[in-house]
């Protein structure tokens, strides 16, 4: 019974640790973890640790790869070592979740009690089930500079626009409830494809890469702003890489 309980616990841990990404990066099956080299998530696809969700920076929080699942993690979340069969059973740096699964050891979690907030939806996960997703630039109030990021309108939350810094971040840095906004087209100037979300005194100005993409985003946002949701069976715009 103890062996059965341990196996079930490790299986549940694996489901959390190695969930599938829907952007072409295949998650390893449970029986393959440690036995086959993973496909590494590229550094430039994430701006935060894929485990604790803390942002990376050049000095204090550097990027590391878990040698078991291939996730990009910070030093704190990868401060574990486990024997990996594909590397001749040598000790390799792994993330906490893979360490627990591979060794069966229990790690005391010092971040218990943190509830999953509305922004803690993985970009890769919801992009695979989205009405529309892709790169946009959110301009500042002067309309000159701004933030380029990965924008997603999920199918299961179609009235909200989620904004990520990168397409595989595990946490959005902000969200915009679209209901009640007006979508306003702006004339093209200097090859810039601009449109706005307007509600009372709140204005968001976006820049798309092409006129076609601008029109697709305007249609999707207008539907959400009007409270129109699409079921999975209905046509929806795909992600724009």
Protein backbone atom coordinates (compact mmCIF):
# COMPACT_ATOMS: atom_id res chain seq x y z
CA UNK A 1 0.00 0.00 0.00
CA UNK A 2 2.90 2.34 0.78
CA UNK A 3 4.38 1.66 -2.67
CA UNK A 4 1.01 2.36 -4.32
CA UNK A 5 0.58 5.61 -2.40
CA UNK A 6 4.11 6.72 -3.33
CA UNK A 7 3.55 5.95 -7.00
CA UNK A 8 0.26 7.87 -7.06
CA UNK A 9 1.87 10.87 -5.36
CA UNK A 10 4.75 10.89 -7.83
CA UNK A 11 2.30 10.63 -10.71
CA UNK A 12 0.35 13.65 -9.46
CA UNK A 13 3.59 15.59 -9.00
CA UNK A 14 4.56 14.79 -12.57
CA UNK A 15 1.27 16.09 -13.93
CA UNK A 16 2.05 19.44 -12.36
CA UNK A 17 5.75 19.41 -13.16
CA UNK A 18 5.67 18.35 -16.79
CA UNK A 19 2.43 19.59 -18.34
CA UNK A 20 2.30 19.79 -22.13
CA UNK A 21 3.15 23.01 -23.91
CA UNK A 22 1.03 23.65 -26.97
CA UNK A 23 3.57 25.58 -29.01
CA UNK A 24 5.52 22.71 -30.52
CA UNK A 25 7.50 21.71 -27.41
CA UNK A 26 6.46 18.21 -26.39
CA UNK A 27 6.37 17.29 -22.75
CA UNK A 28 8.10 14.05 -21.80
CA UNK A 29 5.93 11.16 -20.73
CA UNK A 30 6.26 10.08 -17.12
CA UNK A 31 8.21 6.95 -17.99
CA UNK A 32 10.63 9.01 -20.14
CA UNK A 33 11.59 11.64 -17.56
CA UNK A 34 15.29 11.19 -16.88
CA UNK A 35 15.58 8.47 -19.47
CA UNK A 36 15.48 10.72 -22.52
CA UNK A 37 17.06 14.13 -23.01
CA UNK A 38 14.37 16.84 -23.04
CA UNK A 39 13.93 19.57 -25.64
CA UNK A 40 15.03 22.77 -23.91
CA UNK A 41 12.75 25.79 -23.86
CA UNK A 42 14.69 28.62 -25.50
CA UNK A 43 15.87 31.41 -23.22
CA UNK A 44 14.37 34.15 -25.36
CA UNK A 45 10.87 32.68 -25.05
CA UNK A 46 10.55 33.40 -21.34
CA UNK A 47 11.18 36.41 -19.11
CA UNK A 48 10.45 34.70 -15.79
CA UNK A 49 11.16 31.42 -14.02
CA UNK A 50 8.76 28.76 -15.30
CA UNK A 51 8.37 27.41 -11.76
CA UNK A 52 8.23 30.28 -9.24
CA UNK A 53 7.28 32.93 -11.84
CA UNK A 54 9.83 35.46 -10.57
CA UNK A 55 11.26 37.65 -13.36
CA UNK A 56 14.81 37.10 -14.52
CA UNK A 57 17.45 39.80 -14.35
CA UNK A 58 21.10 40.00 -15.26
CA UNK A 59 22.49 40.07 -11.72
CA UNK A 60 20.37 38.34 -9.13
CA UNK A 61 18.19 35.86 -11.02
CA UNK A 62 19.86 34.10 -13.91
CA UNK A 63 18.42 31.51 -16.27
CA UNK A 64 19.13 27.80 -15.90
CA UNK A 65 17.71 24.75 -17.65
CA UNK A 66 16.31 21.74 -15.86
CA UNK A 67 18.13 18.77 -17.40
CA UNK A 68 15.10 16.54 -16.87
CA UNK A 69 12.14 18.53 -18.28
CA UNK A 70 13.94 21.32 -20.18
CA UNK A 71 12.18 24.22 -18.45
CA UNK A 72 13.94 27.57 -17.96
CA UNK A 73 14.19 28.12 -14.20
CA UNK A 74 16.00 30.33 -11.73
CA UNK A 75 18.87 29.19 -9.50
CA UNK A 76 16.59 28.78 -6.50
CA UNK A 77 14.17 26.52 -8.33
CA UNK A 78 16.96 24.42 -9.88
CA UNK A 79 19.10 23.97 -6.78
CA UNK A 80 18.64 20.19 -6.89
CA UNK A 81 20.49 17.27 -8.44
CA UNK A 82 19.23 13.89 -9.58
CA UNK A 83 20.64 10.97 -11.50
CA UNK A 84 19.53 10.97 -15.13
CA UNK A 85 19.63 7.71 -17.02
CA UNK A 86 20.19 9.33 -20.41
CA UNK A 87 23.43 10.85 -19.07
CA UNK A 88 24.87 7.64 -17.67
CA UNK A 89 23.14 8.08 -14.29
CA UNK A 90 25.31 11.09 -13.51
CA UNK A 91 23.96 13.82 -11.23
CA UNK A 92 22.45 16.70 -13.16
CA UNK A 93 20.84 20.00 -12.21
CA UNK A 94 17.04 19.64 -12.13
CA UNK A 95 14.08 21.69 -10.96
CA UNK A 96 12.33 20.94 -7.69
CA UNK A 97 9.33 19.22 -9.29
CA UNK A 98 11.49 16.85 -11.33
CA UNK A 99 13.69 16.20 -8.29
CA UNK A 100 10.66 15.10 -6.27
CA UNK A 101 9.41 12.89 -9.08
CA UNK A 102 12.77 11.27 -9.88
CA UNK A 103 13.92 10.69 -6.31
CA UNK A 104 10.70 10.42 -4.35
CA UNK A 105 12.16 12.78 -1.75
CA UNK A 106 9.88 15.31 -0.14
CA UNK A 107 10.90 18.97 -0.35
CA UNK A 108 9.43 21.39 2.17
CA UNK A 109 7.65 24.10 0.22
CA UNK A 110 8.21 27.56 1.65
CA UNK A 111 5.79 29.18 -0.77
CA UNK A 112 2.69 27.29 0.37
CA UNK A 113 -0.42 29.35 0.74
CA UNK A 114 0.14 31.35 -2.43
CA UNK A 115 -3.07 31.20 -4.42
CA UNK A 116 -3.09 31.09 -8.18
CA UNK A 117 -4.16 34.51 -9.36
CA UNK A 118 -5.89 35.57 -12.54
CA UNK A 119 -2.56 36.45 -14.19
CA UNK A 120 -1.00 33.05 -13.48
CA UNK A 121 -2.09 31.44 -16.72
CA UNK A 122 0.75 30.09 -18.82
CA UNK A 123 1.04 31.86 -22.18
CA UNK A 124 1.82 28.65 -24.05
CA UNK A 125 -1.13 26.86 -22.48
CA UNK A 126 -3.80 29.46 -23.23
CA UNK A 127 -2.34 30.40 -26.62
CA UNK A 128 -3.18 26.89 -27.80
CA UNK A 129 -6.82 27.49 -26.84
CA UNK A 130 -7.24 31.12 -27.83
CA UNK A 131 -9.54 33.21 -29.96
CA UNK A 132 -6.50 35.16 -31.07
CA UNK A 133 -2.91 35.50 -29.93
CA UNK A 134 0.24 37.10 -31.25
CA UNK A 135 2.70 39.94 -30.97
CA UNK A 136 1.54 43.54 -30.54
CA UNK A 137 3.04 46.72 -29.20
CA UNK A 138 1.22 48.65 -26.49
CA UNK A 139 2.22 52.28 -26.92
CA UNK A 140 2.71 54.77 -24.12
CA UNK A 141 0.54 57.85 -23.65
CA UNK A 142 2.71 59.85 -26.05
CA UNK A 143 2.22 57.26 -28.78
CA UNK A 144 5.97 56.94 -29.35
CA UNK A 145 7.58 54.31 -27.13
CA UNK A 146 5.85 51.34 -25.66
CA UNK A 147 5.97 47.69 -24.67
CA UNK A 148 6.09 44.88 -27.19
CA UNK A 149 4.71 41.63 -25.90
CA UNK A 150 2.61 38.54 -26.47
CA UNK A 151 -1.14 39.20 -26.35
CA UNK A 152 -3.80 36.53 -25.88
CA UNK A 153 -7.62 36.41 -25.79
CA UNK A 154 -8.33 32.90 -24.38
CA UNK A 155 -11.32 30.83 -25.37
CA UNK A 156 -12.15 30.06 -21.74
CA UNK A 157 -11.88 33.73 -20.72
CA UNK A 158 -12.84 35.57 -23.92
CA UNK A 159 -13.67 38.92 -22.34
CA UNK A 160 -10.10 39.53 -21.11
CA UNK A 161 -6.90 40.43 -22.96
CA UNK A 162 -3.81 38.93 -21.33
CA UNK A 163 -0.44 40.56 -21.93
CA UNK A 164 2.80 38.58 -21.58
CA UNK A 165 6.35 39.75 -22.05
CA UNK A 166 7.21 36.58 -24.00
CA UNK A 167 5.19 33.76 -25.64
CA UNK A 168 6.10 31.06 -23.10
CA UNK A 169 5.98 33.04 -19.87
CA UNK A 170 4.04 31.26 -17.16
CA UNK A 171 2.49 34.45 -15.81
CA UNK A 172 0.95 37.47 -17.53
CA UNK A 173 2.26 40.83 -16.34
CA UNK A 174 -1.13 42.49 -16.82
CA UNK A 175 -4.63 42.00 -18.21
CA UNK A 176 -7.31 44.25 -19.68
CA UNK A 177 -11.04 43.45 -19.22
CA UNK A 178 -12.40 44.15 -22.71
CA UNK A 179 -16.13 44.32 -21.96
CA UNK A 180 -17.55 47.80 -22.61
CA UNK A 181 -14.58 49.17 -24.54
CA UNK A 182 -14.90 50.71 -28.00
CA UNK A 183 -12.43 49.67 -30.67
CA UNK A 184 -11.24 52.65 -32.70
CA UNK A 185 -9.34 52.49 -35.96
CA UNK A 186 -6.51 55.00 -36.46
CA UNK A 187 -5.18 56.09 -39.86
CA UNK A 188 -1.91 54.54 -40.92
CA UNK A 189 1.06 56.84 -40.45
CA UNK A 190 4.72 56.16 -41.15
CA UNK A 191 3.90 52.51 -41.86
CA UNK A 192 2.44 52.15 -38.36
CA UNK A 193 -0.76 50.12 -38.08
CA UNK A 194 -2.51 51.63 -35.07
CA UNK A 195 -5.81 51.11 -33.26
CA UNK A 196 -7.21 51.90 -29.83
CA UNK A 197 -9.36 50.58 -27.01
CA UNK A 198 -11.37 53.47 -25.56
CA UNK A 199 -13.62 53.60 -22.50
CA UNK A 200 -14.37 56.90 -20.79
CA UNK A 201 -10.94 58.44 -20.10
CA UNK A 202 -9.08 55.15 -20.40
CA UNK A 203 -7.30 54.73 -23.75
CA UNK A 204 -4.97 51.94 -24.88
CA UNK A 205 -3.12 52.37 -28.19
CA UNK A 206 -1.79 49.30 -29.99
CA UNK A 207 0.46 48.85 -33.01
CA UNK A 208 0.28 45.72 -35.17
CA UNK A 209 2.92 44.51 -37.60
CA UNK A 210 0.61 44.55 -40.63
CA UNK A 211 -2.76 46.00 -41.62
CA UNK A 212 -4.21 42.49 -41.87
CA UNK A 213 -3.19 41.66 -38.30
CA UNK A 214 -4.58 44.98 -37.10
CA UNK A 215 -7.97 44.21 -38.60
CA UNK A 216 -8.00 40.73 -37.05
CA UNK A 217 -7.22 42.12 -33.61
CA UNK A 218 -9.83 44.83 -33.99
CA UNK A 219 -12.50 42.25 -34.90
CA UNK A 220 -11.56 39.97 -32.01
CA UNK A 221 -11.47 42.80 -29.46
CA UNK A 222 -14.74 44.27 -30.74
CA UNK A 223 -16.48 40.91 -30.26
CA UNK A 224 -15.15 40.60 -26.72
CA UNK A 225 -16.00 44.22 -25.91
CA UNK A 226 -19.58 43.54 -27.00
CA UNK A 227 -19.76 40.42 -24.84
CA UNK A 228 -19.83 38.06 -27.83
CA UNK A 229 -18.08 34.78 -27.08
CA UNK A 230 -17.20 32.01 -29.50
CA UNK A 231 -17.47 28.33 -28.71
CA UNK A 232 -14.67 25.98 -29.60
CA UNK A 233 -16.69 24.72 -32.55
CA UNK A 234 -16.90 28.15 -34.11
CA UNK A 235 -14.19 29.68 -36.22
CA UNK A 236 -11.58 31.69 -34.36
CA UNK A 237 -8.45 33.43 -35.54
CA UNK A 238 -5.28 31.46 -34.95
CA UNK A 239 -2.10 32.53 -33.25
CA UNK A 240 0.20 34.80 -35.18
CA UNK A 241 3.84 33.88 -34.63
